[in-house]
Amino acid sequence: MWSKFKALPWIATAGMVAVAIVLALQSGKVIRLQKRAKKKDKHAVSLKNTEVSTYIHKGKKLAESAQLDKDEAVKVHERMEANLALMGKNSETIDDIANRFNSKRVRK
């Protein structure tokens, strides 16, 4: 039984590392989406400034696509901030977790 409790700090550490990796991936996704939207916006403006109606239509579609990317980036950023807020509420250190479980242990 005691061996299960000895592993808890390592499990908690692994959980914190996993959360950090997920947050880093979300942050990278936000940056990537913002860059892609910026490129699409620039290209959409150049297409809209032409005289050919086909290019104007393509420019409008590209601008809509860029807006979708921006909206997705905002959603991912909001999720990331919510995860960070959750982590802030649970500010236990590894030692706190270990002490909490060790104090509940029944000595024979």
PDB file of N, CA and C in Angstrom:
ATOM      1  N   MET A   1       0.818  -1.194   0.000  1.00  0.00           N
ATOM      2  CA  MET A   1       0.000   0.000   0.000  1.00  0.00           C
ATOM      3  C   MET A   1       0.863   1.260   0.000  1.00  0.00           C
ATOM      4  N   TRP A   2       1.916   1.242   0.824  1.00  0.00           N
ATOM      5  CA  TRP A   2       2.777   2.410   0.955  1.00  0.00           C
ATOM      6  C   TRP A   2       3.474   2.740  -0.361  1.00  0.00           C
ATOM      7  N   SER A   3       3.772   1.709  -1.153  1.00  0.00           N
ATOM      8  CA  SER A   3       4.469   1.957  -2.423  1.00  0.00           C
ATOM      9  C   SER A   3       3.614   2.800  -3.373  1.00  0.00           C
ATOM     10  N   LYS A   4       2.298   2.660  -3.265  1.00  0.00           N
ATOM     11  CA  LYS A   4       1.417   3.472  -4.116  1.00  0.00           C
ATOM     12  C   LYS A   4       1.532   4.946  -3.737  1.00  0.00           C
ATOM     13  N   PHE A   5       1.615   5.231  -2.443  1.00  0.00           N
ATOM     14  CA  PHE A   5       1.715   6.618  -1.996  1.00  0.00           C
ATOM     15  C   PHE A   5       3.069   7.226  -2.319  1.00  0.00           C
ATOM     16  N   LYS A   6       4.110   6.408  -2.343  1.00  0.00           N
ATOM     17  CA  LYS A   6       5.443   6.929  -2.661  1.00  0.00           C
ATOM     18  C   LYS A   6       5.515   7.399  -4.110  1.00  0.00           C
ATOM     19  N   ALA A   7       4.679   6.838  -4.957  1.00  0.00           N
ATOM     20  CA  ALA A   7       4.693   7.203  -6.378  1.00  0.00           C
ATOM     21  C   ALA A   7       3.898   8.475  -6.661  1.00  0.00           C
ATOM     22  N   LEU A   8       3.095   8.925  -5.711  1.00  0.00           N
ATOM     23  CA  LEU A   8       2.232  10.085  -5.965  1.00  0.00           C
ATOM     24  C   LEU A   8       2.977  11.357  -6.360  1.00  0.00           C
ATOM     25  N   PRO A   9       4.088  11.704  -5.708  1.00  0.00           N
ATOM     26  CA  PRO A   9       4.791  12.916  -6.161  1.00  0.00           C
ATOM     27  C   PRO A   9       5.270  12.816  -7.603  1.00  0.00           C
ATOM     28  N   TRP A  10       5.676  11.627  -8.014  1.00  0.00           N
ATOM     29  CA  TRP A  10       6.129  11.455  -9.399  1.00  0.00           C
ATOM     30  C   TRP A  10       4.958  11.561 -10.358  1.00  0.00           C
ATOM     31  N   ILE A  11       3.821  11.039  -9.950  1.00  0.00           N
ATOM     32  CA  ILE A  11       2.622  11.138 -10.791  1.00  0.00           C
ATOM     33  C   ILE A  11       2.194  12.599 -10.913  1.00  0.00           C
ATOM     34  N   ALA A  12       2.258  13.321  -9.795  1.00  0.00           N
ATOM     35  CA  ALA A  12       1.903  14.746  -9.819  1.00  0.00           C
ATOM     36  C   ALA A  12       2.853  15.526 -10.724  1.00  0.00           C
ATOM     37  N   THR A  13       4.139  15.196 -10.651  1.00  0.00           N
ATOM     38  CA  THR A  13       5.124  15.863 -11.511  1.00  0.00           C
ATOM     39  C   THR A  13       4.829  15.584 -12.978  1.00  0.00           C
ATOM     40  N   ALA A  14       4.518  14.331 -13.286  1.00  0.00           N
ATOM     41  CA  ALA A  14       4.202  13.971 -14.670  1.00  0.00           C
ATOM     42  C   ALA A  14       2.961  14.721 -15.147  1.00  0.00           C
ATOM     43  N   GLY A  15       1.983  14.883 -14.267  1.00  0.00           N
ATOM     44  CA  GLY A  15       0.779  15.631 -14.630  1.00  0.00           C
ATOM     45  C   GLY A  15       1.079  17.085 -14.918  1.00  0.00           C
ATOM     46  N   MET A  16       1.935  17.689 -14.093  1.00  0.00           N
ATOM     47  CA  MET A  16       2.298  19.097 -14.310  1.00  0.00           C
ATOM     48  C   MET A  16       3.061  19.274 -15.618  1.00  0.00           C
ATOM     49  N   VAL A  17       3.941  18.321 -15.914  1.00  0.00           N
ATOM     50  CA  VAL A  17       4.698  18.381 -17.171  1.00  0.00           C
ATOM     51  C   VAL A  17       3.745  18.232 -18.354  1.00  0.00           C
ATOM     52  N   ALA A  18       2.775  17.324 -18.236  1.00  0.00           N
ATOM     53  CA  ALA A  18       1.808  17.129 -19.320  1.00  0.00           C
ATOM     54  C   ALA A  18       0.993  18.399 -19.561  1.00  0.00           C
ATOM     55  N   VAL A  19       0.575  19.056 -18.499  1.00  0.00           N
ATOM     56  CA  VAL A  19      -0.187  20.305 -18.641  1.00  0.00           C
ATOM     57  C   VAL A  19       0.675  21.379 -19.293  1.00  0.00           C
ATOM     58  N   ALA A  20       1.939  21.450 -18.898  1.00  0.00           N
ATOM     59  CA  ALA A  20       2.843  22.444 -19.494  1.00  0.00           C
ATOM     60  C   ALA A  20       3.024  22.193 -20.989  1.00  0.00           C
ATOM     61  N   ILE A  21       3.134  20.925 -21.376  1.00  0.00           N
ATOM     62  CA  ILE A  21       3.291  20.586 -22.797  1.00  0.00           C
ATOM     63  C   ILE A  21       2.037  20.982 -23.573  1.00  0.00           C
ATOM     64  N   VAL A  22       0.865  20.685 -23.020  1.00  0.00           N
ATOM     65  CA  VAL A  22      -0.396  21.038 -23.693  1.00  0.00           C
ATOM     66  C   VAL A  22      -0.510  22.548 -23.864  1.00  0.00           C
ATOM     67  N   LEU A  23      -0.150  23.301 -22.826  1.00  0.00           N
ATOM     68  CA  LEU A  23      -0.216  24.765 -22.920  1.00  0.00           C
ATOM     69  C   LEU A  23       0.765  25.294 -23.962  1.00  0.00           C
ATOM     70  N   ALA A  24       1.945  24.687 -24.039  1.00  0.00           N
ATOM     71  CA  ALA A  24       2.921  25.116 -25.045  1.00  0.00           C
ATOM     72  C   ALA A  24       2.405  24.840 -26.451  1.00  0.00           C
ATOM     73  N   LEU A  25       1.779  23.683 -26.636  1.00  0.00           N
ATOM     74  CA  LEU A  25       1.222  23.362 -27.951  1.00  0.00           C
ATOM     75  C   LEU A  25       0.100  24.330 -28.326  1.00  0.00           C
ATOM     76  N   GLN A  26      -0.748  24.673 -27.360  1.00  0.00           N
ATOM     77  CA  GLN A  26      -1.821  25.626 -27.640  1.00  0.00           C
ATOM     78  C   GLN A  26      -1.257  26.998 -27.981  1.00  0.00           C
ATOM     79  N   SER A  27      -0.220  27.397 -27.285  1.00  0.00           N
ATOM     80  CA  SER A  27       0.401  28.692 -27.561  1.00  0.00           C
ATOM     81  C   SER A  27       0.980  28.709 -28.971  1.00  0.00           C
ATOM     82  N   GLY A  28       1.630  27.617 -29.358  1.00  0.00           N
ATOM     83  CA  GLY A  28       2.174  27.514 -30.710  1.00  0.00           C
ATOM     84  C   GLY A  28       1.084  27.558 -31.762  1.00  0.00           C
ATOM     85  N   LYS A  29      -0.055  26.934 -31.453  1.00  0.00           N
ATOM     86  CA  LYS A  29      -1.172  26.932 -32.404  1.00  0.00           C
ATOM     87  C   LYS A  29      -1.721  28.338 -32.587  1.00  0.00           C
ATOM     88  N   VAL A  30      -1.817  29.096 -31.509  1.00  0.00           N
ATOM     89  CA  VAL A  30      -2.304  30.478 -31.599  1.00  0.00           C
ATOM     90  C   VAL A  30      -1.383  31.298 -32.494  1.00  0.00           C
ATOM     91  N   ILE A  31      -0.083  31.187 -32.272  1.00  0.00           N
ATOM     92  CA  ILE A  31       0.887  31.946 -33.074  1.00  0.00           C
ATOM     93  C   ILE A  31       0.798  31.542 -34.539  1.00  0.00           C
ATOM     94  N   ARG A  32       0.704  30.234 -34.797  1.00  0.00           N
ATOM     95  CA  ARG A  32       0.634  29.735 -36.167  1.00  0.00           C
ATOM     96  C   ARG A  32      -0.628  30.242 -36.870  1.00  0.00           C
ATOM     97  N   LEU A  33      -1.767  30.203 -36.180  1.00  0.00           N
ATOM     98  CA  LEU A  33      -3.017  30.683 -36.781  1.00  0.00           C
ATOM     99  C   LEU A  33      -2.964  32.180 -37.064  1.00  0.00           C
ATOM    100  N   GLN A  34      -2.359  32.939 -36.164  1.00  0.00           N
ATOM    101  CA  GLN A  34      -2.259  34.383 -36.379  1.00  0.00           C
ATOM    102  C   GLN A  34      -1.362  34.702 -37.571  1.00  0.00           C
ATOM    103  N   LYS A  35      -0.260  33.976 -37.718  1.00  0.00           N
ATOM    104  CA  LYS A  35       0.625  34.202 -38.868  1.00  0.00           C
ATOM    105  C   LYS A  35      -0.092  33.868 -40.172  1.00  0.00           C
ATOM    106  N   ARG A  36      -0.818  32.733 -40.159  1.00  0.00           N
ATOM    107  CA  ARG A  36      -1.520  32.317 -41.368  1.00  0.00           C
ATOM    108  C   ARG A  36      -2.595  33.336 -41.746  1.00  0.00           C
ATOM    109  N   ALA A  37      -3.312  33.849 -40.759  1.00  0.00           N
ATOM    110  CA  ALA A  37      -4.348  34.851 -41.026  1.00  0.00           C
ATOM    111  C   ALA A  37      -3.730  36.134 -41.578  1.00  0.00           C
ATOM    112  N   LYS A  38      -2.571  36.511 -41.057  1.00  0.00           N
ATOM    113  CA  LYS A  38      -1.907  37.723 -41.535  1.00  0.00           C
ATOM    114  C   LYS A  38      -1.506  37.583 -43.005  1.00  0.00           C
ATOM    115  N   LYS A  39      -0.971  36.408 -43.373  1.00  0.00           N
ATOM    116  CA  LYS A  39      -0.594  36.177 -44.773  1.00  0.00           C
ATOM    117  C   LYS A  39      -1.823  36.206 -45.677  1.00  0.00           C
ATOM    118  N   LYS A  40      -2.907  35.571 -45.214  1.00  0.00           N
ATOM    119  CA  LYS A  40      -4.128  35.543 -46.019  1.00  0.00           C
ATOM    120  C   LYS A  40      -4.694  36.946 -46.195  1.00  0.00           C
ATOM    121  N   ASP A  41      -4.661  37.742 -45.140  1.00  0.00           N
ATOM    122  CA  ASP A  41      -5.163  39.112 -45.240  1.00  0.00           C
ATOM    123  C   ASP A  41      -4.372  39.915 -46.266  1.00  0.00           C
ATOM    124  N   LYS A  42      -3.048  39.782 -46.206  1.00  0.00           N
ATOM    125  CA  LYS A  42      -2.200  40.536 -47.137  1.00  0.00           C
ATOM    126  C   LYS A  42      -2.495  40.123 -48.582  1.00  0.00           C
ATOM    127  N   HIS A  43      -2.619  38.810 -48.802  1.00  0.00           N
ATOM    128  CA  HIS A  43      -2.887  38.318 -50.152  1.00  0.00           C
ATOM    129  C   HIS A  43      -4.304  38.704 -50.595  1.00  0.00           C
ATOM    130  N   ALA A  44      -5.260  38.687 -49.673  1.00  0.00           N
ATOM    131  CA  ALA A  44      -6.642  39.048 -50.005  1.00  0.00           C
ATOM    132  C   ALA A  44      -6.733  40.502 -50.440  1.00  0.00           C
ATOM    133  N   VAL A  45      -5.994  41.373 -49.781  1.00  0.00           N
ATOM    134  CA  VAL A  45      -6.011  42.796 -50.148  1.00  0.00           C
ATOM    135  C   VAL A  45      -5.451  42.983 -51.553  1.00  0.00           C
ATOM    136  N   SER A  46      -4.364  42.273 -51.863  1.00  0.00           N
ATOM    137  CA  SER A  46      -3.785  42.426 -53.201  1.00  0.00           C
ATOM    138  C   SER A  46      -4.726  41.878 -54.275  1.00  0.00           C
ATOM    139  N   LEU A  47      -5.455  40.800 -53.952  1.00  0.00           N
ATOM    140  CA  LEU A  47      -6.410  40.264 -54.925  1.00  0.00           C
ATOM    141  C   LEU A  47      -7.609  41.197 -55.106  1.00  0.00           C
ATOM    142  N   LYS A  48      -8.073  41.792 -54.020  1.00  0.00           N
ATOM    143  CA  LYS A  48      -9.236  42.685 -54.107  1.00  0.00           C
ATOM    144  C   LYS A  48      -8.920  43.957 -54.890  1.00  0.00           C
ATOM    145  N   ASN A  49      -7.665  44.353 -54.930  1.00  0.00           N
ATOM    146  CA  ASN A  49      -7.278  45.588 -55.615  1.00  0.00           C
ATOM    147  C   ASN A  49      -7.138  45.416 -57.120  1.00  0.00           C
ATOM    148  N   THR A  50      -7.323  44.209 -57.628  1.00  0.00           N
ATOM    149  CA  THR A  50      -7.224  44.008 -59.074  1.00  0.00           C
ATOM    150  C   THR A  50      -8.551  44.360 -59.739  1.00  0.00           C
ATOM    151  N   GLU A  51      -8.534  44.391 -61.044  1.00  0.00           N
ATOM    152  CA  GLU A  51      -9.731  44.734 -61.813  1.00  0.00           C
ATOM    153  C   GLU A  51     -10.522  43.495 -62.213  1.00  0.00           C
ATOM    154  N   VAL A  52      -9.929  42.321 -62.102  1.00  0.00           N
ATOM    155  CA  VAL A  52     -10.594  41.100 -62.562  1.00  0.00           C
ATOM    156  C   VAL A  52     -11.554  40.611 -61.479  1.00  0.00           C
ATOM    157  N   SER A  53     -12.802  40.363 -61.871  1.00  0.00           N
ATOM    158  CA  SER A  53     -13.828  40.004 -60.884  1.00  0.00           C
ATOM    159  C   SER A  53     -13.543  38.654 -60.225  1.00  0.00           C
ATOM    160  N   THR A  54     -12.920  37.737 -60.949  1.00  0.00           N
ATOM    161  CA  THR A  54     -12.589  36.429 -60.369  1.00  0.00           C
ATOM    162  C   THR A  54     -11.627  36.597 -59.207  1.00  0.00           C
ATOM    163  N   TYR A  55     -10.638  37.444 -59.390  1.00  0.00           N
ATOM    164  CA  TYR A  55      -9.666  37.671 -58.318  1.00  0.00           C
ATOM    165  C   TYR A  55     -10.301  38.397 -57.133  1.00  0.00           C
ATOM    166  N   ILE A  56     -11.236  39.292 -57.433  1.00  0.00           N
ATOM    167  CA  ILE A  56     -11.924  39.999 -56.348  1.00  0.00           C
ATOM    168  C   ILE A  56     -12.702  38.994 -55.494  1.00  0.00           C
ATOM    169  N   HIS A  57     -13.385  38.048 -56.159  1.00  0.00           N
ATOM    170  CA  HIS A  57     -14.135  37.013 -55.437  1.00  0.00           C
ATOM    171  C   HIS A  57     -13.183  36.147 -54.607  1.00  0.00           C
ATOM    172  N   LYS A  58     -12.049  35.753 -55.210  1.00  0.00           N
ATOM    173  CA  LYS A  58     -11.063  34.954 -54.474  1.00  0.00           C
ATOM    174  C   LYS A  58     -10.534  35.729 -53.271  1.00  0.00           C
ATOM    175  N   GLY A  59     -10.336  37.017 -53.452  1.00  0.00           N
ATOM    176  CA  GLY A  59      -9.861  37.856 -52.356  1.00  0.00           C
ATOM    177  C   GLY A  59     -10.854  37.903 -51.204  1.00  0.00           C
ATOM    178  N   LYS A  60     -12.146  37.987 -51.553  1.00  0.00           N
ATOM    179  CA  LYS A  60     -13.175  38.003 -50.507  1.00  0.00           C
ATOM    180  C   LYS A  60     -13.200  36.677 -49.750  1.00  0.00           C
ATOM    181  N   LYS A  61     -13.107  35.576 -50.491  1.00  0.00           N
ATOM    182  CA  LYS A  61     -13.102  34.254 -49.854  1.00  0.00           C
ATOM    183  C   LYS A  61     -11.880  34.091 -48.958  1.00  0.00           C
ATOM    184  N   LEU A  62     -10.744  34.589 -49.422  1.00  0.00           N
ATOM    185  CA  LEU A  62      -9.519  34.495 -48.634  1.00  0.00           C
ATOM    186  C   LEU A  62      -9.626  35.337 -47.367  1.00  0.00           C
ATOM    187  N   ALA A  63     -10.270  36.485 -47.472  1.00  0.00           N
ATOM    188  CA  ALA A  63     -10.473  37.331 -46.293  1.00  0.00           C
ATOM    189  C   ALA A  63     -11.385  36.639 -45.278  1.00  0.00           C
ATOM    190  N   GLU A  64     -12.416  35.949 -45.767  1.00  0.00           N
ATOM    191  CA  GLU A  64     -13.297  35.193 -44.869  1.00  0.00           C
ATOM    192  C   GLU A  64     -12.522  34.077 -44.174  1.00  0.00           C
ATOM    193  N   SER A  65     -11.679  33.399 -44.935  1.00  0.00           N
ATOM    194  CA  SER A  65     -10.862  32.325 -44.368  1.00  0.00           C
ATOM    195  C   SER A  65      -9.906  32.867 -43.305  1.00  0.00           C
ATOM    196  N   ALA A  66      -9.342  34.032 -43.566  1.00  0.00           N
ATOM    197  CA  ALA A  66      -8.446  34.655 -42.586  1.00  0.00           C
ATOM    198  C   ALA A  66      -9.203  34.998 -41.309  1.00  0.00           C
ATOM    199  N   GLN A  67     -10.435  35.466 -41.452  1.00  0.00           N
ATOM    200  CA  GLN A  67     -11.242  35.791 -40.271  1.00  0.00           C
ATOM    201  C   GLN A  67     -11.550  34.537 -39.459  1.00  0.00           C
ATOM    202  N   LEU A  68     -11.811  33.424 -40.148  1.00  0.00           N
ATOM    203  CA  LEU A  68     -12.043  32.157 -39.444  1.00  0.00           C
ATOM    204  C   LEU A  68     -10.802  31.739 -38.658  1.00  0.00           C
ATOM    205  N   ASP A  69      -9.624  31.916 -39.263  1.00  0.00           N
ATOM    206  CA  ASP A  69      -8.377  31.594 -38.562  1.00  0.00           C
ATOM    207  C   ASP A  69      -8.209  32.463 -37.321  1.00  0.00           C
ATOM    208  N   LYS A  70      -8.543  33.742 -37.449  1.00  0.00           N
ATOM    209  CA  LYS A  70      -8.431  34.646 -36.298  1.00  0.00           C
ATOM    210  C   LYS A  70      -9.393  34.231 -35.184  1.00  0.00           C
ATOM    211  N   ASP A  71     -10.620  33.866 -35.567  1.00  0.00           N
ATOM    212  CA  ASP A  71     -11.603  33.429 -34.570  1.00  0.00           C
ATOM    213  C   ASP A  71     -11.133  32.167 -33.857  1.00  0.00           C
ATOM    214  N   GLU A  72     -10.574  31.230 -34.614  1.00  0.00           N
ATOM    215  CA  GLU A  72     -10.057  29.993 -34.021  1.00  0.00           C
ATOM    216  C   GLU A  72      -8.904  30.294 -33.071  1.00  0.00           C
ATOM    217  N   ALA A  73      -8.041  31.225 -33.454  1.00  0.00           N
ATOM    218  CA  ALA A  73      -6.916  31.602 -32.587  1.00  0.00           C
ATOM    219  C   ALA A  73      -7.424  32.191 -31.274  1.00  0.00           C
ATOM    220  N   VAL A  74      -8.477  32.984 -31.343  1.00  0.00           N
ATOM    221  CA  VAL A  74      -9.053  33.568 -30.123  1.00  0.00           C
ATOM    222  C   VAL A  74      -9.626  32.471 -29.225  1.00  0.00           C
ATOM    223  N   LYS A  75     -10.326  31.500 -29.825  1.00  0.00           N
ATOM    224  CA  LYS A  75     -10.901  30.402 -29.039  1.00  0.00           C
ATOM    225  C   LYS A  75      -9.805  29.592 -28.349  1.00  0.00           C
ATOM    226  N   VAL A  76      -8.746  29.265 -29.080  1.00  0.00           N
ATOM    227  CA  VAL A  76      -7.650  28.486 -28.504  1.00  0.00           C
ATOM    228  C   VAL A  76      -6.985  29.276 -27.385  1.00  0.00           C
ATOM    229  N   HIS A  77      -6.815  30.577 -27.592  1.00  0.00           N
ATOM    230  CA  HIS A  77      -6.194  31.418 -26.564  1.00  0.00           C
ATOM    231  C   HIS A  77      -7.056  31.467 -25.300  1.00  0.00           C
ATOM    232  N   GLU A  78      -8.362  31.544 -25.469  1.00  0.00           N
ATOM    233  CA  GLU A  78      -9.264  31.557 -24.310  1.00  0.00           C
ATOM    234  C   GLU A  78      -9.194  30.241 -23.545  1.00  0.00           C
ATOM    235  N   ARG A  79      -9.136  29.118 -24.288  1.00  0.00           N
ATOM    236  CA  ARG A  79      -8.998  27.815 -23.620  1.00  0.00           C
ATOM    237  C   ARG A  79      -7.694  27.741 -22.852  1.00  0.00           C
ATOM    238  N   MET A  80      -6.626  28.266 -23.458  1.00  0.00           N
ATOM    239  CA  MET A  80      -5.321  28.243 -22.812  1.00  0.00           C
ATOM    240  C   MET A  80      -5.351  29.066 -21.525  1.00  0.00           C
ATOM    241  N   GLU A  81      -5.976  30.234 -21.574  1.00  0.00           N
ATOM    242  CA  GLU A  81      -6.063  31.069 -20.370  1.00  0.00           C
ATOM    243  C   GLU A  81      -6.906  30.400 -19.291  1.00  0.00           C
ATOM    244  N   ALA A  82      -7.958  29.684 -19.694  1.00  0.00           N
ATOM    245  CA  ALA A  82      -8.777  28.962 -18.714  1.00  0.00           C
ATOM    246  C   ALA A  82      -7.956  27.863 -18.043  1.00  0.00           C
ATOM    247  N   ASN A  83      -7.140  27.164 -18.832  1.00  0.00           N
ATOM    248  CA  ASN A  83      -6.277  26.122 -18.263  1.00  0.00           C
ATOM    249  C   ASN A  83      -5.260  26.722 -17.311  1.00  0.00           C
ATOM    250  N   LEU A  84      -4.708  27.864 -17.662  1.00  0.00           N
ATOM    251  CA  LEU A  84      -3.752  28.526 -16.771  1.00  0.00           C
ATOM    252  C   LEU A  84      -4.426  28.960 -15.474  1.00  0.00           C
ATOM    253  N   ALA A  85      -5.659  29.434 -15.573  1.00  0.00           N
ATOM    254  CA  ALA A  85      -6.386  29.840 -14.368  1.00  0.00           C
ATOM    255  C   ALA A  85      -6.656  28.637 -13.472  1.00  0.00           C
ATOM    256  N   LEU A  86      -6.973  27.506 -14.091  1.00  0.00           N
ATOM    257  CA  LEU A  86      -7.178  26.289 -13.312  1.00  0.00           C
ATOM    258  C   LEU A  86      -5.901  25.870 -12.605  1.00  0.00           C
ATOM    259  N   MET A  87      -4.791  25.986 -13.308  1.00  0.00           N
ATOM    260  CA  MET A  87      -3.513  25.632 -12.685  1.00  0.00           C
ATOM    261  C   MET A  87      -3.204  26.568 -11.533  1.00  0.00           C
ATOM    262  N   GLY A  88      -3.549  27.832 -11.663  1.00  0.00           N
ATOM    263  CA  GLY A  88      -3.284  28.801 -10.607  1.00  0.00           C
ATOM    264  C   GLY A  88      -4.087  28.513  -9.353  1.00  0.00           C
ATOM    265  N   LYS A  89      -5.305  27.998  -9.522  1.00  0.00           N
ATOM    266  CA  LYS A  89      -6.128  27.664  -8.361  1.00  0.00           C
ATOM    267  C   LYS A  89      -5.544  26.480  -7.607  1.00  0.00           C
ATOM    268  N   ASN A  90      -4.972  25.540  -8.337  1.00  0.00           N
ATOM    269  CA  ASN A  90      -4.404  24.345  -7.731  1.00  0.00           C
ATOM    270  C   ASN A  90      -2.896  24.547  -7.624  1.00  0.00           C
ATOM    271  N   SER A  91      -2.486  25.393  -6.694  1.00  0.00           N
ATOM    272  CA  SER A  91      -1.075  25.758  -6.602  1.00  0.00           C
ATOM    273  C   SER A  91      -0.317  24.900  -5.595  1.00  0.00           C
ATOM    274  N   GLU A  92      -0.718  23.645  -5.440  1.00  0.00           N
ATOM    275  CA  GLU A  92      -0.005  22.742  -4.549  1.00  0.00           C
ATOM    276  C   GLU A  92       1.337  22.378  -5.159  1.00  0.00           C
ATOM    277  N   THR A  93       2.338  22.314  -4.329  1.00  0.00           N
ATOM    278  CA  THR A  93       3.631  21.840  -4.801  1.00  0.00           C
ATOM    279  C   THR A  93       3.680  20.331  -4.634  1.00  0.00           C
ATOM    280  N   ILE A  94       4.716  19.738  -5.171  1.00  0.00           N
ATOM    281  CA  ILE A  94       4.876  18.289  -5.054  1.00  0.00           C
ATOM    282  C   ILE A  94       5.005  17.895  -3.588  1.00  0.00           C
ATOM    283  N   ASP A  95       5.726  18.698  -2.807  1.00  0.00           N
ATOM    284  CA  ASP A  95       5.898  18.398  -1.385  1.00  0.00           C
ATOM    285  C   ASP A  95       4.565  18.470  -0.643  1.00  0.00           C
ATOM    286  N   ASP A  96       3.717  19.428  -1.003  1.00  0.00           N
ATOM    287  CA  ASP A  96       2.396  19.529  -0.367  1.00  0.00           C
ATOM    288  C   ASP A  96       1.571  18.271  -0.620  1.00  0.00           C
ATOM    289  N   ILE A  97       1.612  17.797  -1.854  1.00  0.00           N
ATOM    290  CA  ILE A  97       0.858  16.586  -2.203  1.00  0.00           C
ATOM    291  C   ILE A  97       1.398  15.394  -1.427  1.00  0.00           C
ATOM    292  N   ALA A  98       2.718  15.264  -1.388  1.00  0.00           N
ATOM    293  CA  ALA A  98       3.328  14.141  -0.670  1.00  0.00           C
ATOM    294  C   ALA A  98       3.003  14.206   0.817  1.00  0.00           C
ATOM    295  N   ASN A  99       3.096  15.382   1.422  1.00  0.00           N
ATOM    296  CA  ASN A  99       2.798  15.529   2.851  1.00  0.00           C
ATOM    297  C   ASN A  99       1.334  15.233   3.149  1.00  0.00           C
ATOM    298  N   ARG A 100       0.457  15.652   2.258  1.00  0.00           N
ATOM    299  CA  ARG A 100      -0.969  15.404   2.467  1.00  0.00           C
ATOM    300  C   ARG A 100      -1.261  13.910   2.492  1.00  0.00           C
ATOM    301  N   PHE A 101      -0.688  13.175   1.538  1.00  0.00           N
ATOM    302  CA  PHE A 101      -0.948  11.741   1.498  1.00  0.00           C
ATOM    303  C   PHE A 101      -0.177  10.997   2.581  1.00  0.00           C
ATOM    304  N   ASN A 102       1.002  11.467   2.932  1.00  0.00           N
ATOM    305  CA  ASN A 102       1.764  10.814   3.998  1.00  0.00           C
ATOM    306  C   ASN A 102       1.088  11.004   5.346  1.00  0.00           C
ATOM    307  N   SER A 103       0.428  12.124   5.561  1.00  0.00           N
ATOM    308  CA  SER A 103      -0.227  12.371   6.841  1.00  0.00           C
ATOM    309  C   SER A 103      -1.458  11.488   7.016  1.00  0.00           C
ATOM    310  N   LYS A 104      -2.034  11.020   5.927  1.00  0.00           N
ATOM    311  CA  LYS A 104      -3.213  10.158   6.013  1.00  0.00           C
ATOM    312  C   LYS A 104      -2.835   8.692   6.222  1.00  0.00           C
ATOM    313  N   ARG A 105      -1.574   8.407   6.062  1.00  0.00           N
ATOM    314  CA  ARG A 105      -1.125   7.016   6.150  1.00  0.00           C
ATOM    315  C   ARG A 105      -1.290   6.517   7.583  1.00  0.00           C
ATOM    316  N   VAL A 106      -1.782   5.305   7.731  1.00  0.00           N
ATOM    317  CA  VAL A 106      -1.972   4.706   9.052  1.00  0.00           C
ATOM    318  C   VAL A 106      -0.718   3.925   9.405  1.00  0.00           C
ATOM    319  N   ARG A 107      -0.133   4.245  10.533  1.00  0.00           N
ATOM    320  CA  ARG A 107       1.064   3.529  10.982  1.00  0.00           C
ATOM    321  C   ARG A 107       0.644   2.356  11.851  1.00  0.00           C
ATOM    322  N   LYS A 108       1.320   1.252  11.625  1.00  0.00           N
ATOM    323  CA  LYS A 108       1.007   0.057  12.428  1.00  0.00           C
ATOM    324  C   LYS A 108       2.093  -0.195  13.445  1.00  0.00           C
TER     325      LYS A 108
END
